[in-house]
Amino acid sequence: MFSKHSQKRRNTSLKNTRNNKRRRMNQYKSHDLSPLSHNSLSVIFLFLDGNEIIKISKINKELSEIIRKYNLINIAFKYKLEQTFPRIGEVKSYYNEKVIWKDLYNKKNNLNFNKQILEQMLDYQCDMIMEKKPLVMSIYNACFDICVKRGENSDFCYLLVIKILKQQVIQIQQKLNNSGFNLMNDYKQEKKRYIKIALWMFKTMMYLERFFIPNTDNISIISLARVLFHAYVINNFPEINDEIVIENETINNENLNIAALINQFT
């Protein structure tokens, strides 16, 4: 038999145990998120699809507040889109565009959207070629998504390459027209930059080089870049007696008749 004092201690201990257990259970009720910090929950949500986060926001008021506070819906759609088009956010920021990532993500399979971002990314790559790494996978994926659709979409991509390279050589020509005594120094700097632009245009638009150009009468991007540079730069300045070589070799240029091709691309 227990003594009165020991029985009392035992009852007190059992009561405390039950109270502690009840407190722990109350602490983890489904509607109470206090055991997890909002930061922790925001990290967990990053592993979810944007549409899943939207559904969650409609279920629980506190979760909805966390999602709103950390802008998690936008972040989720941005993360998902940048798996296909890495650094697209960097490009949009460069052009000061206000982006609603959910809307942008929903357009990712739209042909006109793909054409628009391809041109934007190629322009950005040219502008930042000496400062930023090229947008290799973004441009390749956009080009691929366009070319695999039916119609003359590969032609669009090739014509876009012509358009952008032509813009570049015209800009160089205009700059050299104002160079005066610094003509040759400016020419060397612009030539170096243009070679890098042409090389990465060739690499990022590799889908054209592998699957479109070999089956058409079009010349390679490297050859095209070379022809345009001669037409708009070298041939317009008598002081410049030079040749442009890209990547230390003239790829597919051994039999290139530059003079004959100039009229075709000017």
Protein backbone atom coordinates (compact mmCIF):
# COMPACT_ATOMS: atom_id res chain seq x y z
CA MET A 1 0.00 0.00 0.00
CA PHE A 2 1.11 3.51 -0.79
CA SER A 3 1.44 6.03 1.99
CA LYS A 4 -0.74 9.12 1.78
CA HIS A 5 2.27 11.28 0.87
CA SER A 6 3.56 8.94 -1.84
CA GLN A 7 0.04 8.59 -3.29
CA LYS A 8 -0.27 12.36 -3.40
CA ARG A 9 3.10 12.71 -5.15
CA ARG A 10 2.08 10.01 -7.62
CA ASN A 11 -1.21 11.74 -8.41
CA THR A 12 0.58 15.07 -8.86
CA SER A 13 3.12 13.48 -11.21
CA LEU A 14 0.38 11.85 -13.32
CA LYS A 15 -1.49 15.12 -13.47
CA ASN A 16 1.63 16.99 -14.62
CA THR A 17 2.33 14.33 -17.24
CA ARG A 18 -1.21 14.62 -18.61
CA ASN A 19 -0.99 18.41 -18.65
CA ASN A 20 2.35 18.36 -20.47
CA LYS A 21 1.01 15.90 -23.02
CA ARG A 22 -2.07 18.05 -23.55
CA ARG A 23 0.09 21.15 -24.06
CA ARG A 24 2.25 19.36 -26.64
CA MET A 25 -0.82 18.15 -28.51
CA ASN A 26 -2.34 21.62 -28.50
CA GLN A 27 0.96 23.03 -29.73
CA TYR A 28 0.76 20.95 -32.91
CA LYS A 29 -2.87 21.39 -33.85
CA SER A 30 -3.26 21.49 -37.63
CA HIS A 31 -4.45 25.09 -37.65
CA ASP A 32 -1.48 26.33 -35.59
CA LEU A 33 1.78 26.84 -37.55
CA SER A 34 3.83 28.24 -34.64
CA PRO A 35 6.30 25.29 -34.47
CA LEU A 36 7.51 26.24 -37.96
CA SER A 37 8.88 29.67 -38.71
CA HIS A 38 7.50 31.55 -41.69
CA ASN A 39 10.97 31.45 -43.23
CA SER A 40 11.01 27.66 -42.99
CA LEU A 41 7.59 27.39 -44.61
CA SER A 42 8.57 29.76 -47.40
CA VAL A 43 11.55 27.52 -48.21
CA ILE A 44 9.33 24.43 -48.23
CA PHE A 45 6.92 26.12 -50.64
CA LEU A 46 9.73 26.76 -53.12
CA PHE A 47 9.66 23.06 -53.94
CA LEU A 48 6.03 23.30 -55.04
CA ASP A 49 4.53 24.23 -58.38
CA GLY A 50 3.02 27.71 -58.59
CA ASN A 51 -0.47 26.34 -59.18
CA GLU A 52 -0.13 24.12 -56.08
CA ILE A 53 0.79 27.15 -53.98
CA ILE A 54 -2.30 28.97 -55.27
CA LYS A 55 -4.46 26.05 -54.10
CA ILE A 56 -2.77 26.03 -50.67
CA SER A 57 -3.37 29.78 -50.28
CA LYS A 58 -7.11 29.14 -50.53
CA ILE A 59 -7.13 26.48 -47.80
CA ASN A 60 -5.57 28.22 -44.79
CA LYS A 61 -5.62 31.89 -43.84
CA GLU A 62 -2.20 31.83 -42.14
CA LEU A 63 -0.62 29.98 -45.06
CA SER A 64 -2.21 32.48 -47.42
CA GLU A 65 -0.59 35.32 -45.46
CA ILE A 66 2.84 33.64 -45.62
CA ILE A 67 2.47 33.10 -49.37
CA ARG A 68 1.52 36.74 -49.87
CA LYS A 69 4.26 38.07 -47.56
CA TYR A 70 7.06 36.21 -49.34
CA ASN A 71 5.60 36.60 -52.85
CA LEU A 72 5.84 32.81 -53.19
CA ILE A 73 3.47 32.42 -56.15
CA ASN A 74 5.56 34.74 -58.31
CA ILE A 75 8.80 33.12 -57.15
CA ALA A 76 7.52 29.62 -57.92
CA PHE A 77 6.49 30.52 -61.47
CA LYS A 78 9.79 32.37 -62.02
CA TYR A 79 11.77 29.35 -60.82
CA LYS A 80 9.78 27.03 -63.08
CA LEU A 81 10.18 29.25 -66.15
CA GLU A 82 13.90 29.71 -65.57
CA GLN A 83 14.36 25.94 -65.71
CA THR A 84 13.60 26.29 -69.43
CA PHE A 85 14.94 29.79 -69.98
CA PRO A 86 17.74 30.41 -67.44
CA ARG A 87 18.34 34.09 -66.59
CA ILE A 88 15.23 35.31 -68.38
CA GLY A 89 14.62 37.45 -65.30
CA GLU A 90 17.99 39.12 -65.87
CA VAL A 91 16.97 39.93 -69.45
CA LYS A 92 13.58 41.33 -68.45
CA SER A 93 15.22 43.44 -65.75
CA TYR A 94 17.70 44.85 -68.30
CA TYR A 95 14.79 46.15 -70.37
CA ASN A 96 12.99 47.48 -67.25
CA GLU A 97 9.98 45.26 -67.85
CA LYS A 98 7.54 44.67 -65.03
CA VAL A 99 7.03 40.91 -65.01
CA ILE A 100 4.09 38.91 -63.70
CA TRP A 101 5.73 35.50 -63.66
CA LYS A 102 2.51 33.51 -63.64
CA ASP A 103 1.39 35.20 -66.87
CA LEU A 104 4.82 34.76 -68.43
CA TYR A 105 4.96 31.09 -67.46
CA ASN A 106 1.55 30.44 -69.00
CA LYS A 107 2.87 31.79 -72.32
CA LYS A 108 5.98 29.62 -72.44
CA ASN A 109 4.58 27.30 -75.14
CA ASN A 110 3.20 30.15 -77.22
CA LEU A 111 5.02 30.59 -80.56
CA ASN A 112 4.80 34.39 -80.59
CA PHE A 113 6.11 34.54 -77.03
CA ASN A 114 9.05 32.30 -77.94
CA LYS A 115 9.88 34.49 -80.94
CA GLN A 116 9.71 37.64 -78.85
CA ILE A 117 11.96 36.36 -76.05
CA LEU A 118 14.44 34.85 -78.53
CA GLU A 119 14.98 38.24 -80.15
CA GLN A 120 15.14 39.95 -76.78
CA MET A 121 17.69 37.46 -75.43
CA LEU A 122 19.88 37.70 -78.54
CA ASP A 123 19.84 41.51 -78.35
CA TYR A 124 20.72 41.36 -74.65
CA GLN A 125 23.54 38.89 -75.28
CA CYS A 126 25.01 41.21 -77.91
CA ASP A 127 24.73 44.28 -75.67
CA MET A 128 26.37 42.53 -72.70
CA ILE A 129 28.79 40.24 -74.54
CA MET A 130 31.88 41.76 -72.91
CA GLU A 131 30.38 41.89 -69.41
CA LYS A 132 28.11 38.87 -68.90
CA LYS A 133 28.23 35.19 -69.74
CA PRO A 134 26.21 34.27 -72.85
CA LEU A 135 22.66 32.98 -72.44
CA VAL A 136 23.55 29.58 -73.86
CA MET A 137 20.68 27.33 -72.74
CA SER A 138 17.99 30.03 -72.81
CA ILE A 139 18.67 30.94 -76.43
CA TYR A 140 19.15 27.33 -77.55
CA ASN A 141 15.87 26.26 -75.91
CA ALA A 142 13.92 29.19 -77.38
CA CYS A 143 15.35 28.50 -80.85
CA PHE A 144 14.54 24.79 -80.51
CA ASP A 145 10.96 25.45 -79.35
CA ILE A 146 10.40 27.67 -82.39
CA CYS A 147 12.05 25.45 -84.99
CA VAL A 148 10.24 22.24 -84.01
CA LYS A 149 6.86 23.84 -84.67
CA ARG A 150 5.38 23.49 -88.14
CA GLY A 151 5.71 26.24 -90.72
CA GLU A 152 8.61 28.46 -91.68
CA ASN A 153 9.79 28.94 -88.14
CA SER A 154 13.39 27.89 -88.77
CA ASP A 155 13.49 30.56 -91.49
CA PHE A 156 12.34 33.08 -88.89
CA CYS A 157 15.27 32.17 -86.63
CA TYR A 158 17.80 32.42 -89.45
CA LEU A 159 16.40 35.76 -90.62
CA LEU A 160 16.56 36.98 -87.02
CA VAL A 161 20.28 36.13 -86.92
CA ILE A 162 20.78 38.17 -90.11
CA LYS A 163 18.80 41.08 -88.66
CA ILE A 164 20.76 41.22 -85.40
CA LEU A 165 24.21 40.78 -86.95
CA LYS A 166 23.35 43.46 -89.49
CA GLN A 167 22.34 45.81 -86.67
CA GLN A 168 25.70 45.18 -85.04
CA VAL A 169 27.81 45.94 -88.11
CA ILE A 170 25.78 49.08 -88.88
CA GLN A 171 26.41 50.30 -85.32
CA ILE A 172 30.13 49.64 -85.76
CA GLN A 173 30.13 51.51 -89.07
CA GLN A 174 28.40 54.51 -87.49
CA LYS A 175 30.85 54.57 -84.59
CA LEU A 176 33.88 54.39 -86.89
CA ASN A 177 32.49 57.22 -89.01
CA ASN A 178 32.93 59.45 -85.95
CA SER A 179 36.29 58.05 -84.82
CA GLY A 180 38.61 60.49 -86.59
CA PHE A 181 42.24 59.86 -85.61
CA ASN A 182 41.17 57.01 -83.32
CA LEU A 183 39.81 55.00 -86.22
CA MET A 184 42.20 52.04 -86.01
CA ASN A 185 42.03 51.77 -82.21
CA ASP A 186 38.24 51.86 -82.29
CA TYR A 187 38.24 49.38 -85.15
CA LYS A 188 40.33 46.87 -83.21
CA GLN A 189 38.07 47.13 -80.16
CA GLU A 190 34.88 46.79 -82.20
CA LYS A 191 36.28 43.91 -84.23
CA LYS A 192 37.18 42.02 -81.03
CA ARG A 193 33.69 42.57 -79.66
CA TYR A 194 32.02 41.57 -82.93
CA ILE A 195 34.02 38.35 -83.17
CA LYS A 196 32.76 37.39 -79.72
CA ILE A 197 29.19 38.28 -80.68
CA ALA A 198 29.40 36.19 -83.86
CA LEU A 199 31.00 33.24 -82.11
CA TRP A 200 28.31 33.07 -79.42
CA MET A 201 25.56 33.65 -81.96
CA PHE A 202 26.92 30.57 -83.72
CA LYS A 203 27.07 28.53 -80.49
CA THR A 204 23.74 29.53 -78.96
CA MET A 205 21.86 29.08 -82.25
CA MET A 206 23.51 25.70 -82.81
CA TYR A 207 20.17 24.06 -83.61
CA LEU A 208 20.16 26.02 -86.88
CA GLU A 209 23.72 24.96 -87.66
CA ARG A 210 22.99 21.28 -87.07
CA PHE A 211 19.53 20.78 -88.51
CA PHE A 212 18.45 23.75 -90.66
CA ILE A 213 21.43 25.20 -92.53
CA PRO A 214 22.80 21.84 -93.82
CA ASN A 215 19.44 21.18 -95.52
CA THR A 216 19.13 24.59 -97.17
CA ASP A 217 21.16 26.90 -99.39
CA ASN A 218 21.88 29.22 -96.46
CA ILE A 219 25.46 29.84 -95.38
CA SER A 220 26.60 29.18 -91.81
CA ILE A 221 26.29 31.84 -89.13
CA ILE A 222 30.07 32.23 -89.01
CA SER A 223 30.21 32.82 -92.76
CA LEU A 224 27.27 35.21 -92.56
CA ALA A 225 28.98 37.20 -89.80
CA ARG A 226 32.13 37.43 -91.89
CA VAL A 227 30.30 38.62 -95.01
CA LEU A 228 28.41 41.32 -93.12
CA PHE A 229 31.55 42.61 -91.41
CA HIS A 230 33.28 42.98 -94.77
CA ALA A 231 30.25 44.62 -96.36
CA TYR A 232 29.53 47.21 -93.68
CA VAL A 233 32.89 47.77 -92.03
CA ILE A 234 36.05 46.74 -93.88
CA ASN A 235 34.83 47.74 -97.36
CA ASN A 236 33.64 51.16 -96.16
CA PHE A 237 36.97 52.37 -94.80
CA PRO A 238 39.93 52.53 -97.23
CA GLU A 239 42.30 52.83 -94.27
CA ILE A 240 41.33 49.34 -93.11
CA ASN A 241 43.11 46.56 -94.95
CA ASP A 242 42.13 43.59 -92.89
CA GLU A 243 40.52 40.16 -92.72
CA ILE A 244 38.19 38.84 -90.04
CA VAL A 245 38.77 35.37 -88.63
CA ILE A 246 36.46 33.92 -86.00
CA GLU A 247 37.70 31.40 -83.40
CA ASN A 248 41.17 31.28 -85.01
CA GLU A 249 39.81 29.54 -88.07
CA THR A 250 37.42 30.31 -90.88
CA ILE A 251 34.76 27.65 -90.32
CA ASN A 252 33.27 26.59 -93.67
CA ASN A 253 34.86 29.67 -95.24
CA GLU A 254 37.55 28.03 -97.37
CA ASN A 255 35.60 28.60 -100.60
CA LEU A 256 33.57 31.57 -99.43
CA ASN A 257 33.20 34.21 -102.13
CA ILE A 258 32.65 37.27 -99.98
CA ALA A 259 32.33 39.70 -102.87
CA ALA A 260 29.58 37.62 -104.47
CA LEU A 261 27.66 37.30 -101.20
CA ILE A 262 27.78 40.96 -100.17
CA ASN A 263 24.92 42.00 -102.47
CA GLN A 264 22.77 39.19 -101.09
CA PHE A 265 22.95 40.46 -97.51
CA THR A 266 23.09 44.25 -97.91
